[in-house]
Amino acid sequence: MSSTTLRTMLVLTAAVVALLALSAPAGAQTFVGNFCWRLDPFTDTLQAAVTEFPNNIFALAVRWRGVFVPGTLGTAFNGLNGAPNYQFQGSGSASPDLADGSNFDIAFGFGGNNGMPGDRACTFSGLIGVVGMSGVWSFLCPGNGFTKAGTLTFLETCPDGS
C-alpha cells in the first residue's frame, strides 16, 4: 500500500470518527414546552420554546411579535391591536438567579435584520419568578441607543398570532 493511499485512509477514518463524535448526544435534554409573556406596559408578546439541559440551564428559542403603528415616533412597541406586522427572532438561555434561587435570569439576543433601524444586534434580559412566572424585562439595541423596559407578564395560554 502506498503512503498516499495510507494517508488518505487515515484522513477519511479521522473524518468519520469526528462526525460520529459531533453527532453523539451532548447529555440529557428535555423539551419543556412553549411559554408566552406580554411585555407590559406594551402588549407585544414573547413566545419561547424552552428546552432543559443538565444543571438547570434552559435554552430559549424566542419569537417576539407586535404591531407597529405609524406616527408613534418610530416606537415599535404598540401592542397586538391587530394582526402582528413585525417580529424578532432570537435565542438565549435561562438559569436560576445566583442571588435569589426563586428567580430565573433570562437573556437572549436578536441578530440580523430585526426591524430596528441602524442596528443589527439587540439584547433582551429579564428576571422572572419561579412562582407566577412574571417579572421584569429590558431591551437594548446599542447601535442606535434604543432601549425599553417594563413588566414581563406570564400568559397562561399563548394568544393567537403570538
N, C-alpha and C. Protein backbone atom coordinates (compact mmCIF):
# COMPACT_ATOMS: atom_id res chain seq x y z
N MET A 1 0.86 -1.17 0.00
CA MET A 1 0.00 0.00 0.00
C MET A 1 0.91 1.23 0.00
N SER A 2 0.60 2.19 -0.86
CA SER A 2 1.44 3.39 -0.96
C SER A 2 1.17 4.31 0.21
N SER A 3 2.11 5.21 0.47
CA SER A 3 1.96 6.16 1.58
C SER A 3 0.81 7.12 1.32
N THR A 4 0.55 7.46 0.07
CA THR A 4 -0.57 8.35 -0.27
C THR A 4 -1.90 7.67 0.03
N THR A 5 -2.04 6.40 -0.31
CA THR A 5 -3.26 5.65 -0.03
C THR A 5 -3.47 5.51 1.47
N LEU A 6 -2.41 5.21 2.20
CA LEU A 6 -2.50 5.08 3.65
C LEU A 6 -2.91 6.40 4.28
N ARG A 7 -2.30 7.50 3.82
CA ARG A 7 -2.63 8.83 4.35
C ARG A 7 -4.10 9.16 4.07
N THR A 8 -4.58 8.84 2.86
CA THR A 8 -5.97 9.09 2.50
C THR A 8 -6.91 8.30 3.40
N MET A 9 -6.60 7.04 3.65
CA MET A 9 -7.43 6.20 4.51
C MET A 9 -7.45 6.74 5.95
N LEU A 10 -6.31 7.20 6.45
CA LEU A 10 -6.25 7.76 7.80
C LEU A 10 -7.08 9.03 7.90
N VAL A 11 -7.00 9.88 6.88
CA VAL A 11 -7.78 11.13 6.90
C VAL A 11 -9.27 10.81 6.86
N LEU A 12 -9.69 9.88 6.01
CA LEU A 12 -11.10 9.50 5.94
C LEU A 12 -11.58 8.89 7.25
N THR A 13 -10.77 8.03 7.85
CA THR A 13 -11.13 7.43 9.14
C THR A 13 -11.28 8.51 10.21
N ALA A 14 -10.35 9.45 10.25
CA ALA A 14 -10.41 10.55 11.23
C ALA A 14 -11.66 11.39 11.01
N ALA A 15 -12.02 11.64 9.74
CA ALA A 15 -13.22 12.42 9.43
C ALA A 15 -14.48 11.70 9.90
N VAL A 16 -14.56 10.38 9.69
CA VAL A 16 -15.73 9.61 10.13
C VAL A 16 -15.83 9.63 11.65
N VAL A 17 -14.72 9.44 12.34
CA VAL A 17 -14.72 9.47 13.82
C VAL A 17 -15.15 10.85 14.31
N ALA A 18 -14.65 11.91 13.68
CA ALA A 18 -15.03 13.27 14.09
C ALA A 18 -16.52 13.51 13.89
N LEU A 19 -17.07 13.06 12.76
CA LEU A 19 -18.50 13.22 12.51
C LEU A 19 -19.34 12.43 13.51
N LEU A 20 -18.92 11.24 13.86
CA LEU A 20 -19.65 10.46 14.86
C LEU A 20 -19.60 11.14 16.22
N ALA A 21 -18.45 11.69 16.58
CA ALA A 21 -18.33 12.38 17.86
C ALA A 21 -19.21 13.62 17.90
N LEU A 22 -19.28 14.35 16.79
CA LEU A 22 -20.11 15.56 16.75
C LEU A 22 -21.59 15.24 16.78
N SER A 23 -21.99 14.08 16.26
CA SER A 23 -23.40 13.74 16.23
C SER A 23 -23.86 13.01 17.49
N ALA A 24 -22.95 12.69 18.38
CA ALA A 24 -23.32 12.00 19.61
C ALA A 24 -24.10 12.94 20.52
N PRO A 25 -25.07 12.43 21.29
CA PRO A 25 -25.83 13.29 22.20
C PRO A 25 -24.91 13.98 23.21
N ALA A 26 -25.21 15.23 23.50
CA ALA A 26 -24.38 16.02 24.40
C ALA A 26 -24.91 15.98 25.82
N GLY A 27 -25.65 14.98 26.18
CA GLY A 27 -26.23 14.90 27.51
C GLY A 27 -27.73 15.01 27.43
N ALA A 28 -28.37 14.72 28.53
CA ALA A 28 -29.83 14.73 28.56
C ALA A 28 -30.36 16.13 28.31
N GLN A 29 -31.34 16.20 27.45
CA GLN A 29 -32.06 17.45 27.21
C GLN A 29 -33.52 17.12 27.02
N THR A 30 -34.38 17.98 27.54
CA THR A 30 -35.81 17.71 27.52
C THR A 30 -36.55 18.95 27.06
N PHE A 31 -37.38 18.81 26.04
CA PHE A 31 -38.23 19.92 25.63
C PHE A 31 -39.28 20.13 26.71
N VAL A 32 -39.34 21.33 27.26
CA VAL A 32 -40.26 21.64 28.35
C VAL A 32 -41.61 22.09 27.80
N GLY A 33 -41.58 22.95 26.78
CA GLY A 33 -42.82 23.45 26.19
C GLY A 33 -42.68 24.86 25.68
N ASN A 34 -43.80 25.40 25.18
CA ASN A 34 -43.86 26.79 24.73
C ASN A 34 -44.52 27.63 25.81
N PHE A 35 -43.95 28.80 26.06
CA PHE A 35 -44.46 29.71 27.09
C PHE A 35 -44.58 31.09 26.49
N CYS A 36 -45.55 31.88 26.96
CA CYS A 36 -45.77 33.23 26.43
C CYS A 36 -45.84 34.26 27.55
N TRP A 37 -45.38 35.46 27.21
CA TRP A 37 -45.44 36.61 28.11
C TRP A 37 -45.89 37.83 27.32
N ARG A 38 -46.46 38.79 28.02
CA ARG A 38 -46.77 40.11 27.46
C ARG A 38 -45.73 41.07 28.00
N LEU A 39 -45.28 41.97 27.14
CA LEU A 39 -44.27 42.96 27.53
C LEU A 39 -44.96 44.25 27.96
N ASP A 40 -45.45 44.28 29.21
CA ASP A 40 -46.10 45.49 29.73
C ASP A 40 -45.05 46.58 29.93
N PRO A 41 -45.31 47.82 29.69
CA PRO A 41 -46.63 48.43 29.52
C PRO A 41 -47.16 48.35 28.09
N PHE A 42 -46.49 47.61 27.22
CA PHE A 42 -46.94 47.43 25.85
C PHE A 42 -47.72 46.12 25.79
N THR A 43 -48.21 45.76 24.63
CA THR A 43 -48.93 44.50 24.53
C THR A 43 -48.25 43.55 23.55
N ASP A 44 -46.99 43.83 23.22
CA ASP A 44 -46.22 42.89 22.42
C ASP A 44 -46.13 41.58 23.20
N THR A 45 -45.93 40.48 22.48
CA THR A 45 -45.83 39.19 23.14
C THR A 45 -44.52 38.50 22.79
N LEU A 46 -44.05 37.71 23.74
CA LEU A 46 -42.91 36.81 23.54
C LEU A 46 -43.44 35.40 23.61
N GLN A 47 -42.98 34.56 22.69
CA GLN A 47 -43.25 33.13 22.79
C GLN A 47 -41.89 32.44 22.80
N ALA A 48 -41.65 31.62 23.80
CA ALA A 48 -40.37 30.93 23.94
C ALA A 48 -40.59 29.42 23.95
N ALA A 49 -39.86 28.74 23.10
CA ALA A 49 -39.79 27.28 23.14
C ALA A 49 -38.62 26.96 24.06
N VAL A 50 -38.88 26.24 25.15
CA VAL A 50 -37.90 26.03 26.21
C VAL A 50 -37.45 24.58 26.25
N THR A 51 -36.13 24.40 26.27
CA THR A 51 -35.52 23.07 26.40
C THR A 51 -34.61 23.06 27.61
N GLU A 52 -34.76 22.06 28.47
CA GLU A 52 -33.94 21.96 29.68
C GLU A 52 -32.71 21.09 29.43
N PHE A 53 -31.57 21.57 29.91
CA PHE A 53 -30.31 20.84 29.86
C PHE A 53 -29.88 20.54 31.30
N PRO A 54 -28.85 19.73 31.50
CA PRO A 54 -28.39 19.46 32.86
C PRO A 54 -27.99 20.74 33.60
N ASN A 55 -27.98 20.68 34.91
CA ASN A 55 -27.54 21.76 35.79
C ASN A 55 -28.43 23.00 35.73
N ASN A 56 -29.73 22.82 35.51
CA ASN A 56 -30.69 23.92 35.50
C ASN A 56 -30.38 25.00 34.47
N ILE A 57 -29.93 24.59 33.30
CA ILE A 57 -29.73 25.53 32.20
C ILE A 57 -30.83 25.26 31.19
N PHE A 58 -31.50 26.33 30.76
CA PHE A 58 -32.61 26.22 29.83
C PHE A 58 -32.28 26.98 28.56
N ALA A 59 -32.44 26.35 27.41
CA ALA A 59 -32.25 27.01 26.12
C ALA A 59 -33.59 27.62 25.70
N LEU A 60 -33.53 28.82 25.12
CA LEU A 60 -34.73 29.52 24.68
C LEU A 60 -34.64 29.83 23.19
N ALA A 61 -35.64 29.41 22.45
CA ALA A 61 -35.83 29.86 21.06
C ALA A 61 -37.03 30.78 21.11
N VAL A 62 -36.84 32.05 20.74
CA VAL A 62 -37.82 33.09 21.04
C VAL A 62 -38.36 33.77 19.78
N ARG A 63 -39.66 34.05 19.80
CA ARG A 63 -40.29 34.89 18.78
C ARG A 63 -41.02 36.02 19.49
N TRP A 64 -40.72 37.24 19.10
CA TRP A 64 -41.34 38.44 19.66
C TRP A 64 -42.19 39.05 18.57
N ARG A 65 -43.46 39.30 18.85
CA ARG A 65 -44.35 39.88 17.84
C ARG A 65 -45.10 41.08 18.39
N GLY A 66 -45.44 41.97 17.49
CA GLY A 66 -46.22 43.14 17.84
C GLY A 66 -46.74 43.84 16.61
N VAL A 67 -47.41 44.97 16.83
CA VAL A 67 -47.99 45.75 15.75
C VAL A 67 -47.33 47.12 15.75
N PHE A 68 -46.72 47.50 14.64
CA PHE A 68 -46.14 48.83 14.50
C PHE A 68 -47.23 49.78 14.02
N VAL A 69 -47.39 50.88 14.74
CA VAL A 69 -48.39 51.88 14.37
C VAL A 69 -47.66 53.12 13.89
N PRO A 70 -47.80 53.50 12.60
CA PRO A 70 -47.14 54.71 12.11
C PRO A 70 -47.55 55.94 12.91
N GLY A 71 -46.65 56.90 12.98
CA GLY A 71 -46.94 58.15 13.68
C GLY A 71 -46.68 58.07 15.18
N THR A 72 -45.93 57.08 15.63
CA THR A 72 -45.65 56.96 17.06
C THR A 72 -44.16 57.18 17.33
N LEU A 73 -43.55 58.09 16.57
CA LEU A 73 -42.14 58.44 16.73
C LEU A 73 -41.22 57.25 16.56
N GLY A 74 -41.64 56.29 15.75
CA GLY A 74 -40.80 55.14 15.45
C GLY A 74 -40.77 54.09 16.54
N THR A 75 -41.53 54.28 17.61
CA THR A 75 -41.55 53.28 18.67
C THR A 75 -42.30 52.06 18.17
N ALA A 76 -41.62 50.93 18.19
CA ALA A 76 -42.19 49.72 17.60
C ALA A 76 -43.02 48.90 18.58
N PHE A 77 -43.25 49.40 19.78
CA PHE A 77 -43.96 48.62 20.79
C PHE A 77 -45.34 49.21 21.03
N ASN A 78 -46.30 48.84 20.20
CA ASN A 78 -47.62 49.42 20.33
C ASN A 78 -48.72 48.40 20.52
N GLY A 79 -48.35 47.14 20.60
CA GLY A 79 -49.33 46.15 21.02
C GLY A 79 -49.98 45.37 19.91
N LEU A 80 -50.57 44.27 20.30
CA LEU A 80 -51.28 43.41 19.38
C LEU A 80 -52.72 43.89 19.26
N ASN A 81 -52.90 45.08 18.68
CA ASN A 81 -54.23 45.61 18.44
C ASN A 81 -54.62 45.33 17.00
N GLY A 82 -54.25 44.20 16.51
CA GLY A 82 -54.49 43.78 15.14
C GLY A 82 -53.53 42.65 14.84
N ALA A 83 -53.45 42.26 13.58
CA ALA A 83 -52.52 41.19 13.20
C ALA A 83 -51.09 41.69 13.38
N PRO A 84 -50.20 40.88 13.95
CA PRO A 84 -48.80 41.30 14.12
C PRO A 84 -48.20 41.67 12.77
N ASN A 85 -47.45 42.77 12.74
CA ASN A 85 -46.80 43.15 11.50
C ASN A 85 -45.29 43.31 11.65
N TYR A 86 -44.75 42.94 12.79
CA TYR A 86 -43.31 42.82 12.93
C TYR A 86 -43.01 41.72 13.92
N GLN A 87 -41.84 41.14 13.75
CA GLN A 87 -41.40 40.12 14.70
C GLN A 87 -39.89 40.10 14.73
N PHE A 88 -39.37 39.68 15.87
CA PHE A 88 -37.94 39.48 16.06
C PHE A 88 -37.74 38.00 16.37
N GLN A 89 -36.67 37.42 15.88
CA GLN A 89 -36.30 36.04 16.20
C GLN A 89 -35.05 36.09 17.06
N GLY A 90 -35.00 35.29 18.08
CA GLY A 90 -33.81 35.28 18.94
C GLY A 90 -33.60 33.95 19.62
N SER A 91 -32.47 33.84 20.26
CA SER A 91 -32.18 32.66 21.06
C SER A 91 -31.36 33.07 22.27
N GLY A 92 -31.46 32.28 23.32
CA GLY A 92 -30.73 32.61 24.53
C GLY A 92 -30.88 31.52 25.57
N SER A 93 -30.80 31.93 26.84
CA SER A 93 -30.85 30.95 27.91
C SER A 93 -31.49 31.53 29.17
N ALA A 94 -31.80 30.63 30.08
CA ALA A 94 -32.32 30.98 31.40
C ALA A 94 -31.68 30.05 32.40
N SER A 95 -31.45 30.56 33.59
CA SER A 95 -30.92 29.73 34.68
C SER A 95 -31.27 30.40 36.01
N PRO A 96 -31.22 29.63 37.11
CA PRO A 96 -31.57 30.22 38.41
C PRO A 96 -30.66 31.41 38.73
N ASP A 97 -31.27 32.45 39.30
CA ASP A 97 -30.54 33.64 39.72
C ASP A 97 -29.62 33.28 40.89
N LEU A 98 -28.37 33.67 40.83
CA LEU A 98 -27.43 33.33 41.90
C LEU A 98 -27.79 33.98 43.24
N ALA A 99 -28.33 35.20 43.18
CA ALA A 99 -28.67 35.91 44.42
C ALA A 99 -29.96 35.42 45.04
N ASP A 100 -30.89 34.93 44.23
CA ASP A 100 -32.19 34.51 44.73
C ASP A 100 -32.69 33.35 43.86
N GLY A 101 -32.54 32.13 44.34
CA GLY A 101 -32.90 30.94 43.59
C GLY A 101 -34.37 30.81 43.25
N SER A 102 -35.21 31.70 43.81
CA SER A 102 -36.64 31.66 43.46
C SER A 102 -36.92 32.47 42.20
N ASN A 103 -35.87 33.00 41.58
CA ASN A 103 -35.98 33.74 40.33
C ASN A 103 -35.09 33.11 39.27
N PHE A 104 -35.45 33.35 38.01
CA PHE A 104 -34.63 32.92 36.89
C PHE A 104 -34.15 34.15 36.12
N ASP A 105 -32.85 34.18 35.80
CA ASP A 105 -32.31 35.18 34.89
C ASP A 105 -32.55 34.67 33.48
N ILE A 106 -33.05 35.53 32.60
CA ILE A 106 -33.21 35.16 31.20
C ILE A 106 -32.51 36.20 30.34
N ALA A 107 -31.94 35.74 29.25
CA ALA A 107 -31.27 36.66 28.32
C ALA A 107 -31.27 36.03 26.94
N PHE A 108 -31.49 36.84 25.95
CA PHE A 108 -31.36 36.38 24.58
C PHE A 108 -31.02 37.54 23.67
N GLY A 109 -30.51 37.19 22.51
CA GLY A 109 -30.11 38.20 21.54
C GLY A 109 -30.90 38.04 20.25
N PHE A 110 -31.00 39.16 19.54
CA PHE A 110 -31.62 39.18 18.23
C PHE A 110 -30.56 39.60 17.25
N GLY A 111 -30.43 38.89 16.16
CA GLY A 111 -29.45 39.24 15.16
C GLY A 111 -30.10 39.45 13.82
N GLY A 112 -29.29 39.91 12.86
CA GLY A 112 -29.79 40.13 11.51
C GLY A 112 -30.68 41.34 11.42
N ASN A 113 -31.56 41.36 10.45
CA ASN A 113 -32.45 42.50 10.25
C ASN A 113 -33.65 42.34 11.17
N ASN A 114 -33.56 42.96 12.34
CA ASN A 114 -34.60 42.77 13.35
C ASN A 114 -35.61 43.89 13.39
N GLY A 115 -35.58 44.78 12.41
CA GLY A 115 -36.58 45.84 12.37
C GLY A 115 -36.16 47.11 13.07
N MET A 116 -35.01 47.11 13.73
CA MET A 116 -34.53 48.31 14.39
C MET A 116 -33.59 49.05 13.45
N PRO A 117 -33.98 50.22 12.94
CA PRO A 117 -33.13 50.95 12.00
C PRO A 117 -31.74 51.20 12.58
N GLY A 118 -30.72 50.93 11.78
CA GLY A 118 -29.35 51.22 12.18
C GLY A 118 -28.77 50.23 13.16
N ASP A 119 -29.45 49.15 13.43
CA ASP A 119 -28.92 48.19 14.39
C ASP A 119 -29.16 46.78 13.90
N ARG A 120 -28.21 45.92 14.10
CA ARG A 120 -28.34 44.53 13.67
C ARG A 120 -28.20 43.55 14.83
N ALA A 121 -27.97 44.04 16.04
CA ALA A 121 -27.82 43.15 17.19
C ALA A 121 -28.42 43.82 18.42
N CYS A 122 -29.46 43.22 18.94
CA CYS A 122 -30.13 43.76 20.13
C CYS A 122 -30.19 42.68 21.20
N THR A 123 -30.33 43.10 22.46
CA THR A 123 -30.36 42.14 23.56
C THR A 123 -31.61 42.36 24.42
N PHE A 124 -32.09 41.27 24.97
CA PHE A 124 -33.22 41.27 25.88
C PHE A 124 -32.76 40.58 27.15
N SER A 125 -33.07 41.16 28.30
CA SER A 125 -32.76 40.49 29.57
C SER A 125 -33.95 40.65 30.50
N GLY A 126 -34.05 39.72 31.43
CA GLY A 126 -35.16 39.78 32.36
C GLY A 126 -34.92 38.92 33.58
N LEU A 127 -35.81 39.06 34.52
CA LEU A 127 -35.78 38.28 35.75
C LEU A 127 -37.22 37.86 36.02
N ILE A 128 -37.46 36.54 36.06
CA ILE A 128 -38.83 36.06 36.31
C ILE A 128 -38.85 35.19 37.55
N GLY A 129 -39.96 35.24 38.27
CA GLY A 129 -40.13 34.43 39.46
C GLY A 129 -40.54 33.02 39.10
N VAL A 130 -40.05 32.04 39.84
CA VAL A 130 -40.44 30.66 39.63
C VAL A 130 -41.94 30.52 39.91
N VAL A 131 -42.41 31.19 40.94
CA VAL A 131 -43.83 31.21 41.26
C VAL A 131 -44.47 32.35 40.48
N GLY A 132 -45.43 32.05 39.66
CA GLY A 132 -46.13 33.07 38.89
C GLY A 132 -45.52 33.35 37.52
N MET A 133 -44.24 33.07 37.33
CA MET A 133 -43.54 33.20 36.06
C MET A 133 -43.54 34.61 35.47
N SER A 134 -43.80 35.65 36.27
CA SER A 134 -43.76 37.03 35.81
C SER A 134 -42.54 37.72 36.39
N GLY A 135 -42.22 38.90 35.88
CA GLY A 135 -41.05 39.61 36.39
C GLY A 135 -40.82 40.92 35.67
N VAL A 136 -39.56 41.24 35.40
CA VAL A 136 -39.18 42.50 34.76
C VAL A 136 -38.35 42.19 33.51
N TRP A 137 -38.33 43.16 32.57
CA TRP A 137 -37.57 42.98 31.33
C TRP A 137 -36.94 44.30 30.91
N SER A 138 -35.90 44.18 30.09
CA SER A 138 -35.31 45.35 29.43
C SER A 138 -34.79 44.92 28.07
N PHE A 139 -34.76 45.88 27.15
CA PHE A 139 -34.38 45.63 25.76
C PHE A 139 -33.43 46.73 25.34
N LEU A 140 -32.33 46.37 24.67
CA LEU A 140 -31.34 47.36 24.26
C LEU A 140 -30.80 47.03 22.88
N CYS A 141 -30.77 48.05 22.03
CA CYS A 141 -30.08 47.98 20.75
C CYS A 141 -28.95 48.99 20.82
N PRO A 142 -27.73 48.57 21.17
CA PRO A 142 -26.64 49.51 21.42
C PRO A 142 -26.22 50.33 20.20
N GLY A 143 -26.43 49.80 19.00
CA GLY A 143 -26.00 50.52 17.81
C GLY A 143 -26.76 51.82 17.57
N ASN A 144 -28.02 51.89 18.04
CA ASN A 144 -28.80 53.11 17.86
C ASN A 144 -29.30 53.68 19.19
N GLY A 145 -28.93 53.06 20.30
CA GLY A 145 -29.32 53.57 21.62
C GLY A 145 -30.76 53.33 21.99
N PHE A 146 -31.48 52.51 21.23
CA PHE A 146 -32.88 52.23 21.52
C PHE A 146 -32.97 51.34 22.74
N THR A 147 -33.78 51.73 23.72
CA THR A 147 -33.95 50.93 24.92
C THR A 147 -35.38 51.06 25.44
N LYS A 148 -35.89 49.98 25.99
CA LYS A 148 -37.21 49.95 26.62
C LYS A 148 -37.13 48.99 27.80
N ALA A 149 -38.07 49.12 28.74
CA ALA A 149 -38.12 48.24 29.91
C ALA A 149 -39.56 48.19 30.41
N GLY A 150 -39.85 47.17 31.22
CA GLY A 150 -41.18 47.06 31.77
C GLY A 150 -41.37 45.80 32.56
N THR A 151 -42.63 45.39 32.68
CA THR A 151 -43.01 44.20 33.42
C THR A 151 -43.26 43.06 32.44
N LEU A 152 -42.74 41.90 32.76
CA LEU A 152 -42.92 40.70 31.96
C LEU A 152 -44.07 39.92 32.59
N THR A 153 -45.22 39.88 31.92
CA THR A 153 -46.42 39.26 32.46
C THR A 153 -46.66 37.89 31.81
N PHE A 154 -46.64 36.85 32.62
CA PHE A 154 -46.85 35.48 32.12
C PHE A 154 -48.28 35.32 31.65
N LEU A 155 -48.45 34.67 30.50
CA LEU A 155 -49.78 34.40 29.95
C LEU A 155 -50.04 32.89 30.04
N GLU A 156 -51.15 32.53 30.61
CA GLU A 156 -51.49 31.10 30.79
C GLU A 156 -51.53 30.37 29.46
N THR A 157 -52.04 31.04 28.43
CA THR A 157 -52.07 30.47 27.09
C THR A 157 -51.50 31.50 26.12
N CYS A 158 -50.90 31.03 25.09
CA CYS A 158 -50.32 31.92 24.08
C CYS A 158 -51.46 32.44 23.20
N PRO A 159 -51.57 33.78 23.05
CA PRO A 159 -52.65 34.32 22.23
C PRO A 159 -52.46 33.99 20.76
N ASP A 160 -53.56 33.99 20.01
CA ASP A 160 -53.47 33.78 18.57
C ASP A 160 -52.55 34.82 17.97
N GLY A 161 -51.69 34.39 17.08
CA GLY A 161 -50.78 35.31 16.40
C GLY A 161 -49.52 35.62 17.16
N SER A 162 -49.35 35.07 18.35
CA SER A 162 -48.14 35.39 19.12
C SER A 162 -46.96 34.55 18.67
